[in-house]
Amino acid sequence: GDWHLAEDLVQTALGKVYSSWSRVRRTSSPEAYAHTVLMRTYISHRR
């Protein structure tokens, strides 16, 4: 519900995906992996 927090969450999630990109790009669905990272980043942020 917050524009700036959403930008930060996306940036953090993409940073995490990039750090594992050599492994992630070989998965069947890198997009699903990125969404999972985003959701877990948000949940972690709220906690």
ModelCIF file with pLDDT and N, C-alpha, C, O atoms, coordinates in Angstrom:
data_MODEL
#
_entry.id   MODEL 
#
_entity.id                         1 
_entity.type                       polymer 
_entity.pdbx_number_of_molecules   1 
#
_entity_poly.entity_id                      1 
_entity_poly.type                           'polypeptide(L)' 
_entity_poly.nstd_linkage                   no 
_entity_poly.nstd_monomer                   no 
_entity_poly.pdbx_seq_one_letter_code       GDWHLAEDLVQTALGKVYSSWSRVRRTSSPEAYAHTVLMRTYISHRR 
_entity_poly.pdbx_seq_one_letter_code_can   GDWHLAEDLVQTALGKVYSSWSRVRRTSSPEAYAHTVLMRTYISHRR 
_entity_poly.pdbx_strand_id                 A 
#
loop_
_entity_poly_seq.entity_id 
_entity_poly_seq.num 
_entity_poly_seq.mon_id 
_entity_poly_seq.hetero 
1 1  GLY n 
1 2  ASP n 
1 3  TRP n 
1 4  HIS n 
1 5  LEU n 
1 6  ALA n 
1 7  GLU n 
1 8  ASP n 
1 9  LEU n 
1 10 VAL n 
1 11 GLN n 
1 12 THR n 
1 13 ALA n 
1 14 LEU n 
1 15 GLY n 
1 16 LYS n 
1 17 VAL n 
1 18 TYR n 
1 19 SER n 
1 20 SER n 
1 21 TRP n 
1 22 SER n 
1 23 ARG n 
1 24 VAL n 
1 25 ARG n 
1 26 ARG n 
1 27 THR n 
1 28 SER n 
1 29 SER n 
1 30 PRO n 
1 31 GLU n 
1 32 ALA n 
1 33 TYR n 
1 34 ALA n 
1 35 HIS n 
1 36 THR n 
1 37 VAL n 
1 38 LEU n 
1 39 MET n 
1 40 ARG n 
1 41 THR n 
1 42 TYR n 
1 43 ILE n 
1 44 SER n 
1 45 HIS n 
1 46 ARG n 
1 47 ARG n 
#
_struct_asym.id          A 
_struct_asym.entity_id   1 
#
loop_
_ma_qa_metric.id 
_ma_qa_metric.mode 
_ma_qa_metric.name 
_ma_qa_metric.software_group_id 
_ma_qa_metric.type 
1 global pLDDT . pLDDT 
2 local  pLDDT . pLDDT 
#
_ma_qa_metric_global.metric_id      1 
_ma_qa_metric_global.metric_value   91.77 
_ma_qa_metric_global.model_id       1 
_ma_qa_metric_global.ordinal_id     1 
#
loop_
_ma_qa_metric_local.label_asym_id 
_ma_qa_metric_local.label_comp_id 
_ma_qa_metric_local.label_seq_id 
_ma_qa_metric_local.metric_id 
_ma_qa_metric_local.metric_value 
_ma_qa_metric_local.model_id 
_ma_qa_metric_local.ordinal_id 
A GLY 1  2 87.00 1 1  
A ASP 2  2 89.00 1 2  
A TRP 3  2 91.00 1 3  
A HIS 4  2 93.00 1 4  
A LEU 5  2 93.00 1 5  
A ALA 6  2 94.00 1 6  
A GLU 7  2 95.00 1 7  
A ASP 8  2 95.00 1 8  
A LEU 9  2 95.00 1 9  
A VAL 10 2 97.00 1 10 
A GLN 11 2 96.00 1 11 
A THR 12 2 95.00 1 12 
A ALA 13 2 96.00 1 13 
A LEU 14 2 96.00 1 14 
A GLY 15 2 95.00 1 15 
A LYS 16 2 95.00 1 16 
A VAL 17 2 95.00 1 17 
A TYR 18 2 95.00 1 18 
A SER 19 2 93.00 1 19 
A SER 20 2 92.00 1 20 
A TRP 21 2 93.00 1 21 
A SER 22 2 90.00 1 22 
A ARG 23 2 92.00 1 23 
A VAL 24 2 91.00 1 24 
A ARG 25 2 88.00 1 25 
A ARG 26 2 90.00 1 26 
A THR 27 2 88.00 1 27 
A SER 28 2 90.00 1 28 
A SER 29 2 91.00 1 29 
A PRO 30 2 93.00 1 30 
A GLU 31 2 93.00 1 31 
A ALA 32 2 92.00 1 32 
A TYR 33 2 94.00 1 33 
A ALA 34 2 95.00 1 34 
A HIS 35 2 93.00 1 35 
A THR 36 2 93.00 1 36 
A VAL 37 2 95.00 1 37 
A LEU 38 2 95.00 1 38 
A MET 39 2 92.00 1 39 
A ARG 40 2 92.00 1 40 
A THR 41 2 92.00 1 41 
A TYR 42 2 91.00 1 42 
A ILE 43 2 87.00 1 43 
A SER 44 2 87.00 1 44 
A HIS 45 2 84.00 1 45 
A ARG 46 2 79.00 1 46 
A ARG 47 2 76.00 1 47 
#
loop_
_atom_site.group_PDB 
_atom_site.id 
_atom_site.type_symbol 
_atom_site.label_atom_id 
_atom_site.label_alt_id 
_atom_site.label_comp_id 
_atom_site.label_asym_id 
_atom_site.label_entity_id 
_atom_site.label_seq_id 
_atom_site.pdbx_PDB_ins_code 
_atom_site.Cartn_x 
_atom_site.Cartn_y 
_atom_site.Cartn_z 
_atom_site.occupancy 
_atom_site.B_iso_or_equiv 
_atom_site.pdbx_formal_charge 
_atom_site.auth_seq_id 
_atom_site.auth_comp_id 
_atom_site.auth_asym_id 
_atom_site.auth_atom_id 
_atom_site.pdbx_PDB_model_num 
ATOM 1   N N  . GLY A 1 1  ? 0.807  -1.211  0.000   1.00 87.00 ? 1  GLY A N  1 
ATOM 2   C CA . GLY A 1 1  ? 0.000  0.000   0.000   1.00 87.00 ? 1  GLY A CA 1 
ATOM 3   C C  . GLY A 1 1  ? 0.839  1.260   0.000   1.00 87.00 ? 1  GLY A C  1 
ATOM 4   O O  . GLY A 1 1  ? 0.302  2.353   0.175   1.00 87.00 ? 1  GLY A O  1 
ATOM 5   N N  . ASP A 1 2  ? 2.135  1.138   -0.191  1.00 89.00 ? 2  ASP A N  1 
ATOM 6   C CA . ASP A 1 2  ? 3.049  2.277   -0.139  1.00 89.00 ? 2  ASP A CA 1 
ATOM 7   C C  . ASP A 1 2  ? 3.958  2.236   -1.359  1.00 89.00 ? 2  ASP A C  1 
ATOM 8   O O  . ASP A 1 2  ? 4.694  1.272   -1.570  1.00 89.00 ? 2  ASP A O  1 
ATOM 9   N N  . TRP A 1 3  ? 3.896  3.289   -2.151  1.00 91.00 ? 3  TRP A N  1 
ATOM 10  C CA . TRP A 1 3  ? 4.653  3.367   -3.410  1.00 91.00 ? 3  TRP A CA 1 
ATOM 11  C C  . TRP A 1 3  ? 6.151  3.192   -3.177  1.00 91.00 ? 3  TRP A C  1 
ATOM 12  O O  . TRP A 1 3  ? 6.810  2.408   -3.859  1.00 91.00 ? 3  TRP A O  1 
ATOM 13  N N  . HIS A 1 4  ? 6.672  3.926   -2.213  1.00 93.00 ? 4  HIS A N  1 
ATOM 14  C CA . HIS A 1 4  ? 8.119  3.905   -1.973  1.00 93.00 ? 4  HIS A CA 1 
ATOM 15  C C  . HIS A 1 4  ? 8.583  2.578   -1.397  1.00 93.00 ? 4  HIS A C  1 
ATOM 16  O O  . HIS A 1 4  ? 9.637  2.069   -1.778  1.00 93.00 ? 4  HIS A O  1 
ATOM 17  N N  . LEU A 1 5  ? 7.806  2.016   -0.483  1.00 93.00 ? 5  LEU A N  1 
ATOM 18  C CA . LEU A 1 5  ? 8.145  0.708   0.060   1.00 93.00 ? 5  LEU A CA 1 
ATOM 19  C C  . LEU A 1 5  ? 8.095  -0.342  -1.043  1.00 93.00 ? 5  LEU A C  1 
ATOM 20  O O  . LEU A 1 5  ? 8.941  -1.235  -1.089  1.00 93.00 ? 5  LEU A O  1 
ATOM 21  N N  . ALA A 1 6  ? 7.106  -0.241  -1.933  1.00 94.00 ? 6  ALA A N  1 
ATOM 22  C CA . ALA A 1 6  ? 7.010  -1.186  -3.051  1.00 94.00 ? 6  ALA A CA 1 
ATOM 23  C C  . ALA A 1 6  ? 8.260  -1.114  -3.919  1.00 94.00 ? 6  ALA A C  1 
ATOM 24  O O  . ALA A 1 6  ? 8.792  -2.146  -4.329  1.00 94.00 ? 6  ALA A O  1 
ATOM 25  N N  . GLU A 1 7  ? 8.728  0.094   -4.200  1.00 95.00 ? 7  GLU A N  1 
ATOM 26  C CA . GLU A 1 7  ? 9.963  0.234   -4.990  1.00 95.00 ? 7  GLU A CA 1 
ATOM 27  C C  . GLU A 1 7  ? 11.133 -0.421  -4.276  1.00 95.00 ? 7  GLU A C  1 
ATOM 28  O O  . GLU A 1 7  ? 11.930 -1.120  -4.902  1.00 95.00 ? 7  GLU A O  1 
ATOM 29  N N  . ASP A 1 8  ? 11.244 -0.200  -2.968  1.00 95.00 ? 8  ASP A N  1 
ATOM 30  C CA . ASP A 1 8  ? 12.327 -0.790  -2.185  1.00 95.00 ? 8  ASP A CA 1 
ATOM 31  C C  . ASP A 1 8  ? 12.246 -2.312  -2.172  1.00 95.00 ? 8  ASP A C  1 
ATOM 32  O O  . ASP A 1 8  ? 13.263 -2.995  -2.289  1.00 95.00 ? 8  ASP A O  1 
ATOM 33  N N  . LEU A 1 9  ? 11.029 -2.839  -2.028  1.00 95.00 ? 9  LEU A N  1 
ATOM 34  C CA . LEU A 1 9  ? 10.858 -4.291  -2.006  1.00 95.00 ? 9  LEU A CA 1 
ATOM 35  C C  . LEU A 1 9  ? 11.262 -4.916  -3.331  1.00 95.00 ? 9  LEU A C  1 
ATOM 36  O O  . LEU A 1 9  ? 11.922 -5.955  -3.359  1.00 95.00 ? 9  LEU A O  1 
ATOM 37  N N  . VAL A 1 10 ? 10.865 -4.278  -4.434  1.00 97.00 ? 10 VAL A N  1 
ATOM 38  C CA . VAL A 1 10 ? 11.224 -4.807  -5.760  1.00 97.00 ? 10 VAL A CA 1 
ATOM 39  C C  . VAL A 1 10 ? 12.738 -4.765  -5.941  1.00 97.00 ? 10 VAL A C  1 
ATOM 40  O O  . VAL A 1 10 ? 13.334 -5.727  -6.427  1.00 97.00 ? 10 VAL A O  1 
ATOM 41  N N  . GLN A 1 11 ? 13.354 -3.665  -5.555  1.00 96.00 ? 11 GLN A N  1 
ATOM 42  C CA . GLN A 1 11 ? 14.801 -3.541  -5.689  1.00 96.00 ? 11 GLN A CA 1 
ATOM 43  C C  . GLN A 1 11 ? 15.519 -4.607  -4.861  1.00 96.00 ? 11 GLN A C  1 
ATOM 44  O O  . GLN A 1 11 ? 16.475 -5.223  -5.332  1.00 96.00 ? 11 GLN A O  1 
ATOM 45  N N  . THR A 1 12 ? 15.064 -4.819  -3.641  1.00 95.00 ? 12 THR A N  1 
ATOM 46  C CA . THR A 1 12 ? 15.670 -5.832  -2.781  1.00 95.00 ? 12 THR A CA 1 
ATOM 47  C C  . THR A 1 12 ? 15.483 -7.231  -3.366  1.00 95.00 ? 12 THR A C  1 
ATOM 48  O O  . THR A 1 12 ? 16.416 -8.033  -3.398  1.00 95.00 ? 12 THR A O  1 
ATOM 49  N N  . ALA A 1 13 ? 14.266 -7.508  -3.825  1.00 96.00 ? 13 ALA A N  1 
ATOM 50  C CA . ALA A 1 13 ? 13.990 -8.834  -4.403  1.00 96.00 ? 13 ALA A CA 1 
ATOM 51  C C  . ALA A 1 13 ? 14.845 -9.073  -5.639  1.00 96.00 ? 13 ALA A C  1 
ATOM 52  O O  . ALA A 1 13 ? 15.414 -10.153 -5.796  1.00 96.00 ? 13 ALA A O  1 
ATOM 53  N N  . LEU A 1 14 ? 14.944 -8.081  -6.517  1.00 96.00 ? 14 LEU A N  1 
ATOM 54  C CA . LEU A 1 14 ? 15.769 -8.249  -7.719  1.00 96.00 ? 14 LEU A CA 1 
ATOM 55  C C  . LEU A 1 14 ? 17.242 -8.406  -7.359  1.00 96.00 ? 14 LEU A C  1 
ATOM 56  O O  . LEU A 1 14 ? 17.966 -9.137  -8.033  1.00 96.00 ? 14 LEU A O  1 
ATOM 57  N N  . GLY A 1 15 ? 17.692 -7.731  -6.306  1.00 95.00 ? 15 GLY A N  1 
ATOM 58  C CA . GLY A 1 15 ? 19.067 -7.906  -5.846  1.00 95.00 ? 15 GLY A CA 1 
ATOM 59  C C  . GLY A 1 15 ? 19.323 -9.330  -5.380  1.00 95.00 ? 15 GLY A C  1 
ATOM 60  O O  . GLY A 1 15 ? 20.377 -9.903  -5.653  1.00 95.00 ? 15 GLY A O  1 
ATOM 61  N N  . LYS A 1 16 ? 18.353 -9.895  -4.675  1.00 95.00 ? 16 LYS A N  1 
ATOM 62  C CA . LYS A 1 16 ? 18.484 -11.280 -4.211  1.00 95.00 ? 16 LYS A CA 1 
ATOM 63  C C  . LYS A 1 16 ? 18.473 -12.252 -5.389  1.00 95.00 ? 16 LYS A C  1 
ATOM 64  O O  . LYS A 1 16 ? 19.236 -13.217 -5.415  1.00 95.00 ? 16 LYS A O  1 
ATOM 65  N N  . VAL A 1 17 ? 17.602 -11.989 -6.362  1.00 95.00 ? 17 VAL A N  1 
ATOM 66  C CA . VAL A 1 17 ? 17.547 -12.860 -7.546  1.00 95.00 ? 17 VAL A CA 1 
ATOM 67  C C  . VAL A 1 17 ? 18.864 -12.766 -8.307  1.00 95.00 ? 17 VAL A C  1 
ATOM 68  O O  . VAL A 1 17 ? 19.393 -13.781 -8.761  1.00 95.00 ? 17 VAL A O  1 
ATOM 69  N N  . TYR A 1 18 ? 19.396 -11.554 -8.448  1.00 95.00 ? 18 TYR A N  1 
ATOM 70  C CA . TYR A 1 18 ? 20.643 -11.376 -9.186  1.00 95.00 ? 18 TYR A CA 1 
ATOM 71  C C  . TYR A 1 18 ? 21.804 -12.109 -8.521  1.00 95.00 ? 18 TYR A C  1 
ATOM 72  O O  . TYR A 1 18 ? 22.658 -12.678 -9.201  1.00 95.00 ? 18 TYR A O  1 
ATOM 73  N N  . SER A 1 19 ? 21.831 -12.094 -7.194  1.00 93.00 ? 19 SER A N  1 
ATOM 74  C CA . SER A 1 19 ? 22.932 -12.762 -6.492  1.00 93.00 ? 19 SER A CA 1 
ATOM 75  C C  . SER A 1 19 ? 22.930 -14.276 -6.735  1.00 93.00 ? 19 SER A C  1 
ATOM 76  O O  . SER A 1 19 ? 23.959 -14.930 -6.569  1.00 93.00 ? 19 SER A O  1 
ATOM 77  N N  . SER A 1 20 ? 21.796 -14.823 -7.119  1.00 92.00 ? 20 SER A N  1 
ATOM 78  C CA . SER A 1 20 ? 21.685 -16.263 -7.419  1.00 92.00 ? 20 SER A CA 1 
ATOM 79  C C  . SER A 1 20 ? 21.356 -16.507 -8.885  1.00 92.00 ? 20 SER A C  1 
ATOM 80  O O  . SER A 1 20 ? 20.890 -17.591 -9.235  1.00 92.00 ? 20 SER A O  1 
ATOM 81  N N  . TRP A 1 21 ? 21.585 -15.525 -9.749  1.00 93.00 ? 21 TRP A N  1 
ATOM 82  C CA . TRP A 1 21 ? 21.123 -15.583 -11.130 1.00 93.00 ? 21 TRP A CA 1 
ATOM 83  C C  . TRP A 1 21 ? 21.647 -16.798 -11.891 1.00 93.00 ? 21 TRP A C  1 
ATOM 84  O O  . TRP A 1 21 ? 20.912 -17.366 -12.698 1.00 93.00 ? 21 TRP A O  1 
ATOM 85  N N  . SER A 1 22 ? 22.882 -17.212 -11.665 1.00 90.00 ? 22 SER A N  1 
ATOM 86  C CA . SER A 1 22 ? 23.414 -18.356 -12.411 1.00 90.00 ? 22 SER A CA 1 
ATOM 87  C C  . SER A 1 22 ? 22.585 -19.611 -12.146 1.00 90.00 ? 22 SER A C  1 
ATOM 88  O O  . SER A 1 22 ? 22.420 -20.445 -13.035 1.00 90.00 ? 22 SER A O  1 
ATOM 89  N N  . ARG A 1 23 ? 22.066 -19.746 -10.936 1.00 92.00 ? 23 ARG A N  1 
ATOM 90  C CA . ARG A 1 23 ? 21.217 -20.887 -10.594 1.00 92.00 ? 23 ARG A CA 1 
ATOM 91  C C  . ARG A 1 23 ? 19.770 -20.633 -11.004 1.00 92.00 ? 23 ARG A C  1 
ATOM 92  O O  . ARG A 1 23 ? 19.102 -21.532 -11.515 1.00 92.00 ? 23 ARG A O  1 
ATOM 93  N N  . VAL A 1 24 ? 19.281 -19.412 -10.784 1.00 91.00 ? 24 VAL A N  1 
ATOM 94  C CA . VAL A 1 24 ? 17.883 -19.078 -11.038 1.00 91.00 ? 24 VAL A CA 1 
ATOM 95  C C  . VAL A 1 24 ? 17.531 -19.189 -12.512 1.00 91.00 ? 24 VAL A C  1 
ATOM 96  O O  . VAL A 1 24 ? 16.460 -19.691 -12.851 1.00 91.00 ? 24 VAL A O  1 
ATOM 97  N N  . ARG A 1 25 ? 18.402 -18.736 -13.383 1.00 88.00 ? 25 ARG A N  1 
ATOM 98  C CA . ARG A 1 25 ? 18.073 -18.749 -14.819 1.00 88.00 ? 25 ARG A CA 1 
ATOM 99  C C  . ARG A 1 25 ? 17.922 -20.148 -15.379 1.00 88.00 ? 25 ARG A C  1 
ATOM 100 O O  . ARG A 1 25 ? 17.333 -20.332 -16.444 1.00 88.00 ? 25 ARG A O  1 
ATOM 101 N N  . ARG A 1 26 ? 18.450 -21.138 -14.668 1.00 90.00 ? 26 ARG A N  1 
ATOM 102 C CA . ARG A 1 26 ? 18.312 -22.522 -15.128 1.00 90.00 ? 26 ARG A CA 1 
ATOM 103 C C  . ARG A 1 26 ? 17.042 -23.186 -14.620 1.00 90.00 ? 26 ARG A C  1 
ATOM 104 O O  . ARG A 1 26 ? 16.737 -24.310 -15.017 1.00 90.00 ? 26 ARG A O  1 
ATOM 105 N N  . THR A 1 27 ? 16.292 -22.509 -13.744 1.00 88.00 ? 27 THR A N  1 
ATOM 106 C CA . THR A 1 27 ? 15.063 -23.090 -13.218 1.00 88.00 ? 27 THR A CA 1 
ATOM 107 C C  . THR A 1 27 ? 13.982 -23.060 -14.292 1.00 88.00 ? 27 THR A C  1 
ATOM 108 O O  . THR A 1 27 ? 14.121 -22.383 -15.311 1.00 88.00 ? 27 THR A O  1 
ATOM 109 N N  . SER A 1 28 ? 12.922 -23.790 -14.054 1.00 90.00 ? 28 SER A N  1 
ATOM 110 C CA . SER A 1 28 ? 11.840 -23.846 -15.044 1.00 90.00 ? 28 SER A CA 1 
ATOM 111 C C  . SER A 1 28 ? 11.075 -22.526 -15.115 1.00 90.00 ? 28 SER A C  1 
ATOM 112 O O  . SER A 1 28 ? 10.497 -22.207 -16.154 1.00 90.00 ? 28 SER A O  1 
ATOM 113 N N  . SER A 1 29 ? 11.063 -21.761 -14.035 1.00 91.00 ? 29 SER A N  1 
ATOM 114 C CA . SER A 1 29 ? 10.334 -20.501 -14.038 1.00 91.00 ? 29 SER A CA 1 
ATOM 115 C C  . SER A 1 29 ? 11.040 -19.451 -13.174 1.00 91.00 ? 29 SER A C  1 
ATOM 116 O O  . SER A 1 29 ? 10.727 -19.305 -11.993 1.00 91.00 ? 29 SER A O  1 
ATOM 117 N N  . PRO A 1 30 ? 11.984 -18.727 -13.761 1.00 93.00 ? 30 PRO A N  1 
ATOM 118 C CA . PRO A 1 30 ? 12.649 -17.662 -12.998 1.00 93.00 ? 30 PRO A CA 1 
ATOM 119 C C  . PRO A 1 30 ? 11.663 -16.598 -12.510 1.00 93.00 ? 30 PRO A C  1 
ATOM 120 O O  . PRO A 1 30 ? 11.883 -15.987 -11.465 1.00 93.00 ? 30 PRO A O  1 
ATOM 121 N N  . GLU A 1 31 ? 10.582 -16.374 -13.257 1.00 93.00 ? 31 GLU A N  1 
ATOM 122 C CA . GLU A 1 31 ? 9.580  -15.387 -12.857 1.00 93.00 ? 31 GLU A CA 1 
ATOM 123 C C  . GLU A 1 31 ? 8.901  -15.814 -11.554 1.00 93.00 ? 31 GLU A C  1 
ATOM 124 O O  . GLU A 1 31 ? 8.722  -14.995 -10.653 1.00 93.00 ? 31 GLU A O  1 
ATOM 125 N N  . ALA A 1 32 ? 8.530  -17.067 -11.452 1.00 92.00 ? 32 ALA A N  1 
ATOM 126 C CA . ALA A 1 32 ? 7.905  -17.567 -10.220 1.00 92.00 ? 32 ALA A CA 1 
ATOM 127 C C  . ALA A 1 32 ? 8.883  -17.463 -9.050  1.00 92.00 ? 32 ALA A C  1 
ATOM 128 O O  . ALA A 1 32 ? 8.490  -17.140 -7.930  1.00 92.00 ? 32 ALA A O  1 
ATOM 129 N N  . TYR A 1 33 ? 10.139 -17.734 -9.317  1.00 94.00 ? 33 TYR A N  1 
ATOM 130 C CA . TYR A 1 33 ? 11.161 -17.607 -8.282  1.00 94.00 ? 33 TYR A CA 1 
ATOM 131 C C  . TYR A 1 33 ? 11.241 -16.164 -7.794  1.00 94.00 ? 33 TYR A C  1 
ATOM 132 O O  . TYR A 1 33 ? 11.305 -15.917 -6.590  1.00 94.00 ? 33 TYR A O  1 
ATOM 133 N N  . ALA A 1 34 ? 11.237 -15.218 -8.719  1.00 95.00 ? 34 ALA A N  1 
ATOM 134 C CA . ALA A 1 34 ? 11.310 -13.794 -8.361  1.00 95.00 ? 34 ALA A CA 1 
ATOM 135 C C  . ALA A 1 34 ? 10.089 -13.367 -7.550  1.00 95.00 ? 34 ALA A C  1 
ATOM 136 O O  . ALA A 1 34 ? 10.219 -12.607 -6.591  1.00 95.00 ? 34 ALA A O  1 
ATOM 137 N N  . HIS A 1 35 ? 8.903  -13.850 -7.927  1.00 93.00 ? 35 HIS A N  1 
ATOM 138 C CA . HIS A 1 35 ? 7.698  -13.512 -7.159  1.00 93.00 ? 35 HIS A CA 1 
ATOM 139 C C  . HIS A 1 35 ? 7.775  -14.095 -5.749  1.00 93.00 ? 35 HIS A C  1 
ATOM 140 O O  . HIS A 1 35 ? 7.368  -13.448 -4.784  1.00 93.00 ? 35 HIS A O  1 
ATOM 141 N N  . THR A 1 36 ? 8.292  -15.304 -5.632  1.00 93.00 ? 36 THR A N  1 
ATOM 142 C CA . THR A 1 36 ? 8.451  -15.915 -4.314  1.00 93.00 ? 36 THR A CA 1 
ATOM 143 C C  . THR A 1 36 ? 9.411  -15.100 -3.462  1.00 93.00 ? 36 THR A C  1 
ATOM 144 O O  . THR A 1 36 ? 9.152  -14.858 -2.283  1.00 93.00 ? 36 THR A O  1 
ATOM 145 N N  . VAL A 1 37 ? 10.516 -14.679 -4.056  1.00 95.00 ? 37 VAL A N  1 
ATOM 146 C CA . VAL A 1 37 ? 11.488 -13.847 -3.326  1.00 95.00 ? 37 VAL A CA 1 
ATOM 147 C C  . VAL A 1 37 ? 10.829 -12.539 -2.893  1.00 95.00 ? 37 VAL A C  1 
ATOM 148 O O  . VAL A 1 37 ? 11.030 -12.091 -1.764  1.00 95.00 ? 37 VAL A O  1 
ATOM 149 N N  . LEU A 1 38 ? 10.048 -11.925 -3.774  1.00 95.00 ? 38 LEU A N  1 
ATOM 150 C CA . LEU A 1 38 ? 9.363  -10.672 -3.437  1.00 95.00 ? 38 LEU A CA 1 
ATOM 151 C C  . LEU A 1 38 ? 8.416  -10.871 -2.256  1.00 95.00 ? 38 LEU A C  1 
ATOM 152 O O  . LEU A 1 38 ? 8.436  -10.080 -1.312  1.00 95.00 ? 38 LEU A O  1 
ATOM 153 N N  . MET A 1 39 ? 7.598  -11.900 -2.294  1.00 92.00 ? 39 MET A N  1 
ATOM 154 C CA . MET A 1 39 ? 6.632  -12.140 -1.218  1.00 92.00 ? 39 MET A CA 1 
ATOM 155 C C  . MET A 1 39 ? 7.354  -12.407 0.101   1.00 92.00 ? 39 MET A C  1 
ATOM 156 O O  . MET A 1 39 ? 6.941  -11.905 1.147   1.00 92.00 ? 39 MET A O  1 
ATOM 157 N N  . ARG A 1 40 ? 8.408  -13.179 0.058   1.00 92.00 ? 40 ARG A N  1 
ATOM 158 C CA . ARG A 1 40 ? 9.139  -13.482 1.292   1.00 92.00 ? 40 ARG A CA 1 
ATOM 159 C C  . ARG A 1 40 ? 9.883  -12.251 1.808   1.00 92.00 ? 40 ARG A C  1 
ATOM 160 O O  . ARG A 1 40 ? 10.033 -12.076 3.017   1.00 92.00 ? 40 ARG A O  1 
ATOM 161 N N  . THR A 1 41 ? 10.341 -11.411 0.908   1.00 92.00 ? 41 THR A N  1 
ATOM 162 C CA . THR A 1 41 ? 10.981 -10.153 1.311   1.00 92.00 ? 41 THR A CA 1 
ATOM 163 C C  . THR A 1 41 ? 9.972  -9.265  2.004   1.00 92.00 ? 41 THR A C  1 
ATOM 164 O O  . THR A 1 41 ? 10.283 -8.654  3.026   1.00 92.00 ? 41 THR A O  1 
ATOM 165 N N  . TYR A 1 42 ? 8.759  -9.184  1.459   1.00 91.00 ? 42 TYR A N  1 
ATOM 166 C CA . TYR A 1 42 ? 7.716  -8.366  2.079   1.00 91.00 ? 42 TYR A CA 1 
ATOM 167 C C  . TYR A 1 42 ? 7.338  -8.911  3.458   1.00 91.00 ? 42 TYR A C  1 
ATOM 168 O O  . TYR A 1 42 ? 7.238  -8.156  4.425   1.00 91.00 ? 42 TYR A O  1 
ATOM 169 N N  . ILE A 1 43 ? 7.132  -10.209 3.539   1.00 87.00 ? 43 ILE A N  1 
ATOM 170 C CA . ILE A 1 43 ? 6.755  -10.818 4.817   1.00 87.00 ? 43 ILE A CA 1 
ATOM 171 C C  . ILE A 1 43 ? 7.863  -10.590 5.848   1.00 87.00 ? 43 ILE A C  1 
ATOM 172 O O  . ILE A 1 43 ? 7.585  -10.281 7.007   1.00 87.00 ? 43 ILE A O  1 
ATOM 173 N N  . SER A 1 44 ? 9.097  -10.741 5.428   1.00 87.00 ? 44 SER A N  1 
ATOM 174 C CA . SER A 1 44 ? 10.228 -10.514 6.318   1.00 87.00 ? 44 SER A CA 1 
ATOM 175 C C  . SER A 1 44 ? 10.275 -9.055  6.768   1.00 87.00 ? 44 SER A C  1 
ATOM 176 O O  . SER A 1 44 ? 10.532 -8.772  7.938   1.00 87.00 ? 44 SER A O  1 
ATOM 177 N N  . HIS A 1 45 ? 10.031 -8.143  5.853   1.00 84.00 ? 45 HIS A N  1 
ATOM 178 C CA . HIS A 1 45 ? 10.013 -6.717  6.188   1.00 84.00 ? 45 HIS A CA 1 
ATOM 179 C C  . HIS A 1 45 ? 8.941  -6.418  7.233   1.00 84.00 ? 45 HIS A C  1 
ATOM 180 O O  . HIS A 1 45 ? 9.191  -5.675  8.181   1.00 84.00 ? 45 HIS A O  1 
ATOM 181 N N  . ARG A 1 46 ? 7.761  -6.986  7.068   1.00 79.00 ? 46 ARG A N  1 
ATOM 182 C CA . ARG A 1 46 ? 6.670  -6.756  8.016   1.00 79.00 ? 46 ARG A CA 1 
ATOM 183 C C  . ARG A 1 46 ? 7.001  -7.339  9.380   1.00 79.00 ? 46 ARG A C  1 
ATOM 184 O O  . ARG A 1 46 ? 6.664  -6.750  10.407  1.00 79.00 ? 46 ARG A O  1 
ATOM 185 N N  . ARG A 1 47 ? 7.654  -8.482  9.394   1.00 76.00 ? 47 ARG A N  1 
ATOM 186 C CA . ARG A 1 47 ? 8.010  -9.097  10.672  1.00 76.00 ? 47 ARG A CA 1 
ATOM 187 C C  . ARG A 1 47 ? 9.031  -8.255  11.422  1.00 76.00 ? 47 ARG A C  1 
ATOM 188 O O  . ARG A 1 47 ? 9.446  -8.623  12.521  1.00 76.00 ? 47 ARG A O  1 
#
